[in-house]
Amino acid sequence: MKLWVRFVAVSGVLACLSAPGVGAQTGVSDGALFLLLPVGAQTVGMGQAMVAERPGTEAVWSNPAGIARQDKREAAIHHSETIAARGDVIAFLVPSKRFGAFAISLNVLDFGNQQITDASGAPVGFVLPRNILLAGTYATALSTRFSLGVTLKALQYRVDCSGQCANIATFSATSTALDLGMQYDVPGDSSIRLGAAVRNVGTKLKVNDREDGDALPTRVEVGLSYRLAFVQRYVSDVEVRLAGDIIAAKNADDPSARLGADFIYQKNVHLRAGYIANDADGANAAVGFGLGAGRLLFDIARTFGGLSEDAGKTPAYVSLRFLF
């Protein structure tokens, strides 16, 4: 029964990812749909409106240009729990004033061990479905206002088996993809930043080197980030940031919106809220909390609505970052 429930949950997530505004609109089936899932508690808490933000290593997955102006090295762990899977990301970011910023990340999405039973119902093995993604990112500031970034990703979806696997089909599917992004600080108003990114441009996801394959879920995203400067004139310890993005498939059909707000107290305490249209999990709202203590930064977030919550499992996202 547990295997069946999880299998239905995973199928539901994939169905949501293929819905209008999220899945491909061209009639061609997208592969590697896990590339659309959010990474990082800052991102989730802000409703995934991050294309013009600079959230450290989380920017690798939303807009690689977002790491261009980071002034500290960062080591980070990003963890997620939903009804469908458990996600873990390890990331390292190294900035250089002379050469730009570099990051490397490993993203593993584990759908859990699916138990295999014999005719009598006795367990005889496990099926192990996983997504594995290795990403390398480079970004640089071309001027005082303009930044560019690129991420190269090698991805693999694989189904392995342990135990008695004679009647179990195992396989792996591989692809490579590229993300390109830019950010621009608007002249005359340092509170406004524009961002744009094209994500998941690459080769088809092919199973065991077959000729045919599924197209990657390419997405185009534009947005802005706005700091409410007038707030600090009245409350010096408080900062408020707003963000909004528009995201669409590569043919620009049925674009959807994302909105986020970040309320910051003394630069170390964050309260976040966001709205998500056409989320991968079907969620439509999010909240988050962040706390900084010296070099250590902790963030947590959750979403509301969608498949995970409907199934009784609260979707949770936790990030731990160390700056040095």
C-alpha atoms as a PDB file:
ATOM      1  CA  MET A   1       0.000   0.000   0.000  1.00  0.00           C
ATOM      2  CA  LYS A   2       2.818   2.437   0.815  1.00  0.00           C
ATOM      3  CA  LEU A   3       4.389   1.735  -2.566  1.00  0.00           C
ATOM      4  CA  TRP A   4       1.086   2.445  -4.327  1.00  0.00           C
ATOM      5  CA  VAL A   5       0.489   5.724  -2.461  1.00  0.00           C
ATOM      6  CA  ARG A   6       3.960   7.014  -3.279  1.00  0.00           C
ATOM      7  CA  PHE A   7       3.645   5.896  -6.895  1.00  0.00           C
ATOM      8  CA  VAL A   8       0.378   7.812  -7.241  1.00  0.00           C
ATOM      9  CA  ALA A   9       1.986  10.864  -5.624  1.00  0.00           C
ATOM     10  CA  VAL A  10       4.920  10.853  -8.019  1.00  0.00           C
ATOM     11  CA  SER A  11       2.568  10.447 -10.966  1.00  0.00           C
ATOM     12  CA  GLY A  12       0.496  13.348  -9.674  1.00  0.00           C
ATOM     13  CA  VAL A  13       3.503  15.638  -9.524  1.00  0.00           C
ATOM     14  CA  LEU A  14       4.423  14.745 -13.086  1.00  0.00           C
ATOM     15  CA  ALA A  15       0.848  15.423 -14.178  1.00  0.00           C
ATOM     16  CA  CYS A  16       0.942  18.841 -12.519  1.00  0.00           C
ATOM     17  CA  LEU A  17       4.216  19.591 -14.244  1.00  0.00           C
ATOM     18  CA  SER A  18       2.604  18.815 -17.566  1.00  0.00           C
ATOM     19  CA  ALA A  19      -0.404  21.070 -16.947  1.00  0.00           C
ATOM     20  CA  PRO A  20      -0.959  24.238 -19.021  1.00  0.00           C
ATOM     21  CA  GLY A  21       1.485  26.941 -18.059  1.00  0.00           C
ATOM     22  CA  VAL A  22       3.849  24.402 -16.555  1.00  0.00           C
ATOM     23  CA  GLY A  23       4.239  21.566 -19.007  1.00  0.00           C
ATOM     24  CA  ALA A  24       5.189  21.838 -22.613  1.00  0.00           C
ATOM     25  CA  GLN A  25       2.640  23.522 -24.850  1.00  0.00           C
ATOM     26  CA  THR A  26       3.942  22.289 -28.164  1.00  0.00           C
ATOM     27  CA  GLY A  27       2.472  18.805 -28.134  1.00  0.00           C
ATOM     28  CA  VAL A  28       5.944  17.370 -27.505  1.00  0.00           C
ATOM     29  CA  SER A  29       6.372  15.584 -24.198  1.00  0.00           C
ATOM     30  CA  ASP A  30       8.913  17.201 -21.885  1.00  0.00           C
ATOM     31  CA  GLY A  31      11.443  15.092 -20.041  1.00  0.00           C
ATOM     32  CA  ALA A  32      13.494  15.867 -16.907  1.00  0.00           C
ATOM     33  CA  LEU A  33      10.515  17.600 -15.320  1.00  0.00           C
ATOM     34  CA  PHE A  34      12.303  17.698 -11.979  1.00  0.00           C
ATOM     35  CA  LEU A  35      14.298  20.611 -13.431  1.00  0.00           C
ATOM     36  CA  LEU A  36      11.203  22.741 -12.754  1.00  0.00           C
ATOM     37  CA  LEU A  37      11.127  21.988  -9.027  1.00  0.00           C
ATOM     38  CA  PRO A  38      12.336  24.828  -6.752  1.00  0.00           C
ATOM     39  CA  VAL A  39      15.612  24.630  -4.832  1.00  0.00           C
ATOM     40  CA  GLY A  40      16.174  26.523  -1.584  1.00  0.00           C
ATOM     41  CA  ALA A  41      14.027  27.948   1.202  1.00  0.00           C
ATOM     42  CA  GLN A  42      14.604  31.568   0.162  1.00  0.00           C
ATOM     43  CA  THR A  43      13.291  30.769  -3.305  1.00  0.00           C
ATOM     44  CA  VAL A  44      10.222  28.928  -2.037  1.00  0.00           C
ATOM     45  CA  GLY A  45       9.383  31.547   0.608  1.00  0.00           C
ATOM     46  CA  MET A  46       9.454  34.279  -2.050  1.00  0.00           C
ATOM     47  CA  GLY A  47       7.014  32.418  -4.291  1.00  0.00           C
ATOM     48  CA  GLN A  48       9.924  31.470  -6.607  1.00  0.00           C
ATOM     49  CA  ALA A  49      10.108  35.089  -7.843  1.00  0.00           C
ATOM     50  CA  MET A  50      13.905  35.086  -7.869  1.00  0.00           C
ATOM     51  CA  VAL A  51      15.116  35.972 -11.365  1.00  0.00           C
ATOM     52  CA  ALA A  52      16.139  39.492 -10.226  1.00  0.00           C
ATOM     53  CA  GLU A  53      17.246  38.471  -6.703  1.00  0.00           C
ATOM     54  CA  ARG A  54      20.686  37.498  -5.376  1.00  0.00           C
ATOM     55  CA  PRO A  55      20.128  34.562  -2.997  1.00  0.00           C
ATOM     56  CA  GLY A  56      23.635  33.081  -3.029  1.00  0.00           C
ATOM     57  CA  THR A  57      23.900  29.467  -4.204  1.00  0.00           C
ATOM     58  CA  GLU A  58      20.136  29.295  -4.770  1.00  0.00           C
ATOM     59  CA  ALA A  59      20.654  31.588  -7.770  1.00  0.00           C
ATOM     60  CA  VAL A  60      22.272  28.661  -9.606  1.00  0.00           C
ATOM     61  CA  TRP A  61      18.762  27.257 -10.151  1.00  0.00           C
ATOM     62  CA  SER A  62      16.839  30.479 -10.900  1.00  0.00           C
ATOM     63  CA  ASN A  63      19.272  32.893 -12.585  1.00  0.00           C
ATOM     64  CA  PRO A  64      23.039  32.201 -12.643  1.00  0.00           C
ATOM     65  CA  ALA A  65      23.762  35.941 -12.963  1.00  0.00           C
ATOM     66  CA  GLY A  66      22.611  36.249  -9.352  1.00  0.00           C
ATOM     67  CA  ILE A  67      25.973  35.053  -7.994  1.00  0.00           C
ATOM     68  CA  ALA A  68      28.068  37.569  -9.976  1.00  0.00           C
ATOM     69  CA  ARG A  69      28.342  40.158  -7.188  1.00  0.00           C
ATOM     70  CA  GLN A  70      28.610  37.871  -4.185  1.00  0.00           C
ATOM     71  CA  ASP A  71      31.582  38.964  -2.071  1.00  0.00           C
ATOM     72  CA  LYS A  72      31.931  35.908   0.210  1.00  0.00           C
ATOM     73  CA  ARG A  73      32.522  32.236  -0.404  1.00  0.00           C
ATOM     74  CA  GLU A  74      29.552  30.050   0.414  1.00  0.00           C
ATOM     75  CA  ALA A  75      28.977  26.401   1.295  1.00  0.00           C
ATOM     76  CA  ALA A  76      25.321  25.407   1.400  1.00  0.00           C
ATOM     77  CA  ILE A  77      22.906  22.524   1.893  1.00  0.00           C
ATOM     78  CA  HIS A  78      19.356  22.798   0.559  1.00  0.00           C
ATOM     79  CA  HIS A  79      16.841  20.141   1.636  1.00  0.00           C
ATOM     80  CA  SER A  80      13.220  19.542   0.631  1.00  0.00           C
ATOM     81  CA  GLU A  81      10.491  17.087   1.655  1.00  0.00           C
ATOM     82  CA  THR A  82       7.297  16.590  -0.359  1.00  0.00           C
ATOM     83  CA  ILE A  83       4.866  13.720  -0.829  1.00  0.00           C
ATOM     84  CA  ALA A  84       6.664  12.720  -4.015  1.00  0.00           C
ATOM     85  CA  ALA A  85      10.323  12.850  -3.068  1.00  0.00           C
ATOM     86  CA  ARG A  86      13.135  14.071  -0.880  1.00  0.00           C
ATOM     87  CA  GLY A  87      15.592  16.522  -2.409  1.00  0.00           C
ATOM     88  CA  ASP A  88      19.129  17.323  -1.289  1.00  0.00           C
ATOM     89  CA  VAL A  89      21.483  19.862  -2.844  1.00  0.00           C
ATOM     90  CA  ILE A  90      25.095  20.522  -1.886  1.00  0.00           C
ATOM     91  CA  ALA A  91      26.630  23.692  -3.336  1.00  0.00           C
ATOM     92  CA  PHE A  92      29.896  25.640  -3.143  1.00  0.00           C
ATOM     93  CA  LEU A  93      30.381  29.186  -4.412  1.00  0.00           C
ATOM     94  CA  VAL A  94      33.730  30.974  -4.797  1.00  0.00           C
ATOM     95  CA  PRO A  95      33.755  34.651  -5.882  1.00  0.00           C
ATOM     96  CA  SER A  96      36.779  36.431  -7.345  1.00  0.00           C
ATOM     97  CA  LYS A  97      37.036  40.175  -7.920  1.00  0.00           C
ATOM     98  CA  ARG A  98      39.295  39.552 -10.893  1.00  0.00           C
ATOM     99  CA  PHE A  99      37.746  36.530 -12.598  1.00  0.00           C
ATOM    100  CA  GLY A 100      34.080  36.487 -11.524  1.00  0.00           C
ATOM    101  CA  ALA A 101      32.156  33.951  -9.436  1.00  0.00           C
ATOM    102  CA  PHE A 102      32.212  30.161  -9.738  1.00  0.00           C
ATOM    103  CA  ALA A 103      29.832  27.595  -8.235  1.00  0.00           C
ATOM    104  CA  ILE A 104      29.458  23.827  -8.324  1.00  0.00           C
ATOM    105  CA  SER A 105      26.319  22.021  -7.167  1.00  0.00           C
ATOM    106  CA  LEU A 106      25.032  18.465  -6.811  1.00  0.00           C
ATOM    107  CA  ASN A 107      21.263  17.958  -6.758  1.00  0.00           C
ATOM    108  CA  VAL A 108      19.767  14.555  -5.874  1.00  0.00           C
ATOM    109  CA  LEU A 109      16.020  13.936  -5.893  1.00  0.00           C
ATOM    110  CA  ASP A 110      15.191  10.614  -4.209  1.00  0.00           C
ATOM    111  CA  PHE A 111      11.727   9.112  -4.762  1.00  0.00           C
ATOM    112  CA  GLY A 112      12.302   6.566  -2.001  1.00  0.00           C
ATOM    113  CA  ASN A 113      12.878   2.827  -2.005  1.00  0.00           C
ATOM    114  CA  GLN A 114       9.953   1.062  -3.673  1.00  0.00           C
ATOM    115  CA  GLN A 115       9.557  -2.391  -2.123  1.00  0.00           C
ATOM    116  CA  ILE A 116       9.385  -5.495  -4.337  1.00  0.00           C
ATOM    117  CA  THR A 117       7.399  -8.472  -3.037  1.00  0.00           C
ATOM    118  CA  ASP A 118       7.020 -12.055  -4.230  1.00  0.00           C
ATOM    119  CA  ALA A 119       3.745 -13.922  -4.795  1.00  0.00           C
ATOM    120  CA  SER A 120       3.324 -14.469  -1.053  1.00  0.00           C
ATOM    121  CA  GLY A 121       3.824 -10.796  -0.252  1.00  0.00           C
ATOM    122  CA  ALA A 122       7.275 -11.233   1.269  1.00  0.00           C
ATOM    123  CA  PRO A 123       9.766  -8.433   0.480  1.00  0.00           C
ATOM    124  CA  VAL A 124      12.502  -9.543  -1.917  1.00  0.00           C
ATOM    125  CA  GLY A 125      14.110  -6.268  -3.005  1.00  0.00           C
ATOM    126  CA  PHE A 126      13.798  -2.565  -3.725  1.00  0.00           C
ATOM    127  CA  VAL A 127      13.406  -0.355  -6.777  1.00  0.00           C
ATOM    128  CA  LEU A 128      15.419   2.869  -6.450  1.00  0.00           C
ATOM    129  CA  PRO A 129      14.206   5.777  -8.660  1.00  0.00           C
ATOM    130  CA  ARG A 130      16.366   8.919  -8.508  1.00  0.00           C
ATOM    131  CA  ASN A 131      17.214  12.096 -10.375  1.00  0.00           C
ATOM    132  CA  ILE A 132      20.833  13.266 -10.246  1.00  0.00           C
ATOM    133  CA  LEU A 133      22.044  16.640 -11.482  1.00  0.00           C
ATOM    134  CA  LEU A 134      25.553  18.110 -11.488  1.00  0.00           C
ATOM    135  CA  ALA A 135      25.809  21.837 -12.246  1.00  0.00           C
ATOM    136  CA  GLY A 136      28.735  24.185 -12.828  1.00  0.00           C
ATOM    137  CA  THR A 137      28.087  27.943 -12.821  1.00  0.00           C
ATOM    138  CA  TYR A 138      30.078  31.006 -13.853  1.00  0.00           C
ATOM    139  CA  ALA A 139      28.945  34.622 -13.534  1.00  0.00           C
ATOM    140  CA  THR A 140      30.611  38.002 -13.866  1.00  0.00           C
ATOM    141  CA  ALA A 141      29.803  41.695 -13.488  1.00  0.00           C
ATOM    142  CA  LEU A 142      30.429  43.309 -16.883  1.00  0.00           C
ATOM    143  CA  SER A 143      29.897  46.815 -15.478  1.00  0.00           C
ATOM    144  CA  THR A 144      28.697  48.465 -12.288  1.00  0.00           C
ATOM    145  CA  ARG A 145      25.114  47.612 -13.280  1.00  0.00           C
ATOM    146  CA  PHE A 146      25.137  44.673 -15.695  1.00  0.00           C
ATOM    147  CA  SER A 147      25.787  41.016 -14.768  1.00  0.00           C
ATOM    148  CA  LEU A 148      25.796  37.823 -16.822  1.00  0.00           C
ATOM    149  CA  GLY A 149      25.793  34.183 -15.764  1.00  0.00           C
ATOM    150  CA  VAL A 150      25.736  30.685 -17.237  1.00  0.00           C
ATOM    151  CA  THR A 151      25.141  27.238 -15.761  1.00  0.00           C
ATOM    152  CA  LEU A 152      26.054  23.955 -17.466  1.00  0.00           C
ATOM    153  CA  LYS A 153      24.108  20.954 -16.168  1.00  0.00           C
ATOM    154  CA  ALA A 154      24.613  17.227 -16.625  1.00  0.00           C
ATOM    155  CA  LEU A 155      21.516  15.305 -15.576  1.00  0.00           C
ATOM    156  CA  GLN A 156      20.490  11.708 -15.213  1.00  0.00           C
ATOM    157  CA  TYR A 157      17.221  10.026 -14.331  1.00  0.00           C
ATOM    158  CA  ARG A 158      17.812   6.437 -13.287  1.00  0.00           C
ATOM    159  CA  VAL A 159      15.852   3.507 -11.900  1.00  0.00           C
ATOM    160  CA  ASP A 160      18.032   0.913 -10.163  1.00  0.00           C
ATOM    161  CA  CYS A 161      17.131  -2.293  -8.374  1.00  0.00           C
ATOM    162  CA  SER A 162      18.506  -4.117  -5.345  1.00  0.00           C
ATOM    163  CA  GLY A 163      17.658  -7.725  -4.436  1.00  0.00           C
ATOM    164  CA  GLN A 164      15.726 -10.126  -6.672  1.00  0.00           C
ATOM    165  CA  CYS A 165      15.374  -8.029  -9.816  1.00  0.00           C
ATOM    166  CA  ALA A 166      14.896 -10.578 -12.601  1.00  0.00           C
ATOM    167  CA  ASN A 167      11.501  -9.180 -13.633  1.00  0.00           C
ATOM    168  CA  ILE A 168      12.237  -5.528 -12.884  1.00  0.00           C
ATOM    169  CA  ALA A 169      13.160  -3.154 -15.714  1.00  0.00           C
ATOM    170  CA  THR A 170      15.998  -0.794 -14.813  1.00  0.00           C
ATOM    171  CA  PHE A 171      17.197   2.069 -16.980  1.00  0.00           C
ATOM    172  CA  SER A 172      18.903   5.445 -17.049  1.00  0.00           C
ATOM    173  CA  ALA A 173      18.198   8.560 -19.107  1.00  0.00           C
ATOM    174  CA  THR A 174      20.771  11.317 -19.596  1.00  0.00           C
ATOM    175  CA  SER A 175      20.982  14.821 -20.993  1.00  0.00           C
ATOM    176  CA  THR A 176      22.938  18.063 -20.770  1.00  0.00           C
ATOM    177  CA  ALA A 177      21.421  21.514 -20.402  1.00  0.00           C
ATOM    178  CA  LEU A 178      22.386  25.164 -20.270  1.00  0.00           C
ATOM    179  CA  ASP A 179      20.965  28.095 -18.281  1.00  0.00           C
ATOM    180  CA  LEU A 180      21.706  31.707 -19.264  1.00  0.00           C
ATOM    181  CA  GLY A 181      20.841  34.763 -17.193  1.00  0.00           C
ATOM    182  CA  MET A 182      21.354  38.488 -16.787  1.00  0.00           C
ATOM    183  CA  GLN A 183      20.654  41.161 -14.170  1.00  0.00           C
ATOM    184  CA  TYR A 184      20.626  44.928 -14.524  1.00  0.00           C
ATOM    185  CA  ASP A 185      20.500  47.610 -11.823  1.00  0.00           C
ATOM    186  CA  VAL A 186      18.387  50.485 -13.137  1.00  0.00           C
ATOM    187  CA  PRO A 187      20.327  53.813 -13.361  1.00  0.00           C
ATOM    188  CA  GLY A 188      19.130  56.601 -11.107  1.00  0.00           C
ATOM    189  CA  ASP A 189      17.252  54.224  -8.814  1.00  0.00           C
ATOM    190  CA  SER A 190      19.394  51.687  -6.986  1.00  0.00           C
ATOM    191  CA  SER A 191      16.252  50.115  -5.500  1.00  0.00           C
ATOM    192  CA  ILE A 192      15.169  48.524  -8.811  1.00  0.00           C
ATOM    193  CA  ARG A 193      16.859  45.528 -10.423  1.00  0.00           C
ATOM    194  CA  LEU A 194      15.764  43.731 -13.587  1.00  0.00           C
ATOM    195  CA  GLY A 195      16.445  40.105 -14.382  1.00  0.00           C
ATOM    196  CA  ALA A 196      15.965  37.617 -17.204  1.00  0.00           C
ATOM    197  CA  ALA A 197      16.881  33.970 -17.659  1.00  0.00           C
ATOM    198  CA  VAL A 198      16.491  31.128 -20.130  1.00  0.00           C
ATOM    199  CA  ARG A 199      16.678  27.765 -18.401  1.00  0.00           C
ATOM    200  CA  ASN A 200      17.001  24.138 -19.479  1.00  0.00           C
ATOM    201  CA  VAL A 201      18.173  24.596 -23.061  1.00  0.00           C
ATOM    202  CA  GLY A 202      19.779  21.343 -24.104  1.00  0.00           C
ATOM    203  CA  THR A 203      19.740  17.901 -25.633  1.00  0.00           C
ATOM    204  CA  LYS A 204      16.780  15.548 -25.429  1.00  0.00           C
ATOM    205  CA  LEU A 205      16.523  13.211 -22.454  1.00  0.00           C
ATOM    206  CA  LYS A 206      17.438   9.816 -23.928  1.00  0.00           C
ATOM    207  CA  VAL A 207      16.959   6.432 -22.280  1.00  0.00           C
ATOM    208  CA  ASN A 208      19.935   4.083 -22.575  1.00  0.00           C
ATOM    209  CA  ASP A 209      21.338   5.898 -25.643  1.00  0.00           C
ATOM    210  CA  ARG A 210      18.237   5.358 -27.778  1.00  0.00           C
ATOM    211  CA  GLU A 211      17.695   7.522 -30.840  1.00  0.00           C
ATOM    212  CA  ASP A 212      14.436   9.065 -29.638  1.00  0.00           C
ATOM    213  CA  GLY A 213      14.069  11.188 -26.513  1.00  0.00           C
ATOM    214  CA  ASP A 214      11.996  13.788 -24.689  1.00  0.00           C
ATOM    215  CA  ALA A 215      12.613  17.518 -24.993  1.00  0.00           C
ATOM    216  CA  LEU A 216      13.764  19.342 -21.864  1.00  0.00           C
ATOM    217  CA  PRO A 217      11.330  21.762 -20.163  1.00  0.00           C
ATOM    218  CA  THR A 218      12.852  25.004 -21.462  1.00  0.00           C
ATOM    219  CA  ARG A 219      11.567  28.090 -19.645  1.00  0.00           C
ATOM    220  CA  VAL A 220      11.959  31.835 -20.244  1.00  0.00           C
ATOM    221  CA  GLU A 221      11.645  34.087 -17.198  1.00  0.00           C
ATOM    222  CA  VAL A 222      11.745  37.861 -16.731  1.00  0.00           C
ATOM    223  CA  GLY A 223      11.212  39.866 -13.578  1.00  0.00           C
ATOM    224  CA  LEU A 224      12.178  42.681 -11.279  1.00  0.00           C
ATOM    225  CA  SER A 225      13.160  43.238  -7.671  1.00  0.00           C
ATOM    226  CA  TYR A 226      12.221  46.432  -5.844  1.00  0.00           C
ATOM    227  CA  ARG A 227      13.476  47.681  -2.489  1.00  0.00           C
ATOM    228  CA  LEU A 228      11.005  50.021  -0.779  1.00  0.00           C
ATOM    229  CA  ALA A 229      13.515  52.729   0.111  1.00  0.00           C
ATOM    230  CA  PHE A 230      10.991  54.946   1.903  1.00  0.00           C
ATOM    231  CA  VAL A 231      10.463  52.318   4.632  1.00  0.00           C
ATOM    232  CA  GLN A 232      13.929  52.918   6.094  1.00  0.00           C
ATOM    233  CA  ARG A 233      13.222  56.625   6.389  1.00  0.00           C
ATOM    234  CA  TYR A 234      10.612  55.779   9.016  1.00  0.00           C
ATOM    235  CA  VAL A 235      11.989  52.536  10.500  1.00  0.00           C
ATOM    236  CA  SER A 236      15.756  52.376  10.113  1.00  0.00           C
ATOM    237  CA  ASP A 237      16.066  48.719  11.159  1.00  0.00           C
ATOM    238  CA  VAL A 238      13.528  47.429   8.644  1.00  0.00           C
ATOM    239  CA  GLU A 239      13.944  46.726   4.931  1.00  0.00           C
ATOM    240  CA  VAL A 240      11.229  45.533   2.562  1.00  0.00           C
ATOM    241  CA  ARG A 241      11.895  43.910  -0.807  1.00  0.00           C
ATOM    242  CA  LEU A 242       9.288  42.997  -3.402  1.00  0.00           C
ATOM    243  CA  ALA A 243       9.805  40.752  -6.426  1.00  0.00           C
ATOM    244  CA  GLY A 244       7.720  39.722  -9.402  1.00  0.00           C
ATOM    245  CA  ASP A 245       8.412  37.310 -12.270  1.00  0.00           C
ATOM    246  CA  ILE A 246       6.686  36.146 -15.433  1.00  0.00           C
ATOM    247  CA  ILE A 247       7.590  32.651 -16.625  1.00  0.00           C
ATOM    248  CA  ALA A 248       6.628  30.894 -19.845  1.00  0.00           C
ATOM    249  CA  ALA A 249       7.579  27.938 -22.005  1.00  0.00           C
ATOM    250  CA  LYS A 250       9.880  28.655 -24.938  1.00  0.00           C
ATOM    251  CA  ASN A 251       6.936  29.253 -27.292  1.00  0.00           C
ATOM    252  CA  ALA A 252       5.591  31.905 -24.835  1.00  0.00           C
ATOM    253  CA  ASP A 253       2.190  30.223 -24.489  1.00  0.00           C
ATOM    254  CA  ASP A 254       0.176  30.715 -21.280  1.00  0.00           C
ATOM    255  CA  PRO A 255       2.695  32.706 -19.171  1.00  0.00           C
ATOM    256  CA  SER A 256       2.235  32.628 -15.403  1.00  0.00           C
ATOM    257  CA  ALA A 257       3.158  34.981 -12.568  1.00  0.00           C
ATOM    258  CA  ARG A 258       5.141  34.698  -9.355  1.00  0.00           C
ATOM    259  CA  LEU A 259       5.180  37.305  -6.601  1.00  0.00           C
ATOM    260  CA  GLY A 260       7.243  37.559  -3.430  1.00  0.00           C
ATOM    261  CA  ALA A 261       7.951  39.834  -0.469  1.00  0.00           C
ATOM    262  CA  ASP A 262      10.816  39.817   2.032  1.00  0.00           C
ATOM    263  CA  PHE A 263      10.544  41.782   5.303  1.00  0.00           C
ATOM    264  CA  ILE A 264      14.015  42.149   6.835  1.00  0.00           C
ATOM    265  CA  TYR A 265      14.806  43.243  10.402  1.00  0.00           C
ATOM    266  CA  GLN A 266      18.349  44.377  11.252  1.00  0.00           C
ATOM    267  CA  LYS A 267      19.621  42.572   8.120  1.00  0.00           C
ATOM    268  CA  ASN A 268      19.423  39.192   9.894  1.00  0.00           C
ATOM    269  CA  VAL A 269      15.759  38.280  10.403  1.00  0.00           C
ATOM    270  CA  HIS A 270      13.586  37.568   7.352  1.00  0.00           C
ATOM    271  CA  LEU A 271       9.846  37.035   7.015  1.00  0.00           C
ATOM    272  CA  ARG A 272       8.840  36.009   3.498  1.00  0.00           C
ATOM    273  CA  ALA A 273       5.597  35.440   1.642  1.00  0.00           C
ATOM    274  CA  GLY A 274       4.860  34.521  -1.946  1.00  0.00           C
ATOM    275  CA  TYR A 275       2.240  33.706  -4.548  1.00  0.00           C
ATOM    276  CA  ILE A 276       2.827  31.025  -7.187  1.00  0.00           C
ATOM    277  CA  ALA A 277       0.803  30.432 -10.337  1.00  0.00           C
ATOM    278  CA  ASN A 278       1.073  26.973 -11.935  1.00  0.00           C
ATOM    279  CA  ASP A 279       3.497  25.538  -9.400  1.00  0.00           C
ATOM    280  CA  ALA A 280       4.950  22.089 -10.094  1.00  0.00           C
ATOM    281  CA  ASP A 281       3.197  20.680  -7.004  1.00  0.00           C
ATOM    282  CA  GLY A 282       0.005  22.684  -7.541  1.00  0.00           C
ATOM    283  CA  ALA A 283       0.700  25.007  -4.596  1.00  0.00           C
ATOM    284  CA  ASN A 284      -0.462  28.620  -4.817  1.00  0.00           C
ATOM    285  CA  ALA A 285       1.046  30.341  -1.762  1.00  0.00           C
ATOM    286  CA  ALA A 286       4.201  30.173   0.341  1.00  0.00           C
ATOM    287  CA  VAL A 287       5.718  31.562   3.527  1.00  0.00           C
ATOM    288  CA  GLY A 288       9.282  31.522   4.810  1.00  0.00           C
ATOM    289  CA  PHE A 289      11.523  32.547   7.677  1.00  0.00           C
ATOM    290  CA  GLY A 290      15.239  33.287   7.726  1.00  0.00           C
ATOM    291  CA  LEU A 291      17.766  33.966  10.460  1.00  0.00           C
ATOM    292  CA  GLY A 292      21.396  35.040  10.227  1.00  0.00           C
ATOM    293  CA  ALA A 293      23.910  34.503  13.023  1.00  0.00           C
ATOM    294  CA  GLY A 294      27.330  35.732  11.980  1.00  0.00           C
ATOM    295  CA  ARG A 295      28.503  33.589   9.076  1.00  0.00           C
ATOM    296  CA  LEU A 296      25.707  31.046   9.436  1.00  0.00           C
ATOM    297  CA  LEU A 297      22.398  31.610   7.618  1.00  0.00           C
ATOM    298  CA  PHE A 298      19.308  29.468   8.187  1.00  0.00           C
ATOM    299  CA  ASP A 299      16.123  29.553   6.088  1.00  0.00           C
ATOM    300  CA  ILE A 300      12.923  27.529   6.189  1.00  0.00           C
ATOM    301  CA  ALA A 301       9.806  27.676   4.009  1.00  0.00           C
ATOM    302  CA  ARG A 302       6.641  25.821   3.110  1.00  0.00           C
ATOM    303  CA  THR A 303       3.938  26.005   0.472  1.00  0.00           C
ATOM    304  CA  PHE A 304       0.148  25.866   0.793  1.00  0.00           C
ATOM    305  CA  GLY A 305      -2.238  23.895  -1.373  1.00  0.00           C
ATOM    306  CA  GLY A 306      -1.229  21.418  -4.008  1.00  0.00           C
ATOM    307  CA  LEU A 307      -0.646  17.693  -4.128  1.00  0.00           C
ATOM    308  CA  SER A 308       1.619  17.364  -1.079  1.00  0.00           C
ATOM    309  CA  GLU A 309      -0.705  19.205   1.300  1.00  0.00           C
ATOM    310  CA  ASP A 310      -3.777  17.432  -0.081  1.00  0.00           C
ATOM    311  CA  ALA A 311      -2.069  14.107   0.657  1.00  0.00           C
ATOM    312  CA  GLY A 312      -1.433  15.139   4.266  1.00  0.00           C
ATOM    313  CA  LYS A 313       2.304  15.812   4.008  1.00  0.00           C
ATOM    314  CA  THR A 314       3.429  19.385   4.613  1.00  0.00           C
ATOM    315  CA  PRO A 315       5.895  20.406   1.871  1.00  0.00           C
ATOM    316  CA  ALA A 316       8.948  21.748   3.697  1.00  0.00           C
ATOM    317  CA  TYR A 317      12.178  23.355   2.494  1.00  0.00           C
ATOM    318  CA  VAL A 318      15.265  24.050   4.622  1.00  0.00           C
ATOM    319  CA  SER A 319      18.523  25.773   3.656  1.00  0.00           C
ATOM    320  CA  LEU A 320      21.706  26.115   5.676  1.00  0.00           C
ATOM    321  CA  ARG A 321      24.450  28.381   4.316  1.00  0.00           C
ATOM    322  CA  PHE A 322      27.889  29.183   5.658  1.00  0.00           C
ATOM    323  CA  LEU A 323      29.723  32.301   4.441  1.00  0.00           C
ATOM    324  CA  PHE A 324      33.489  32.545   4.748  1.00  0.00           C
END
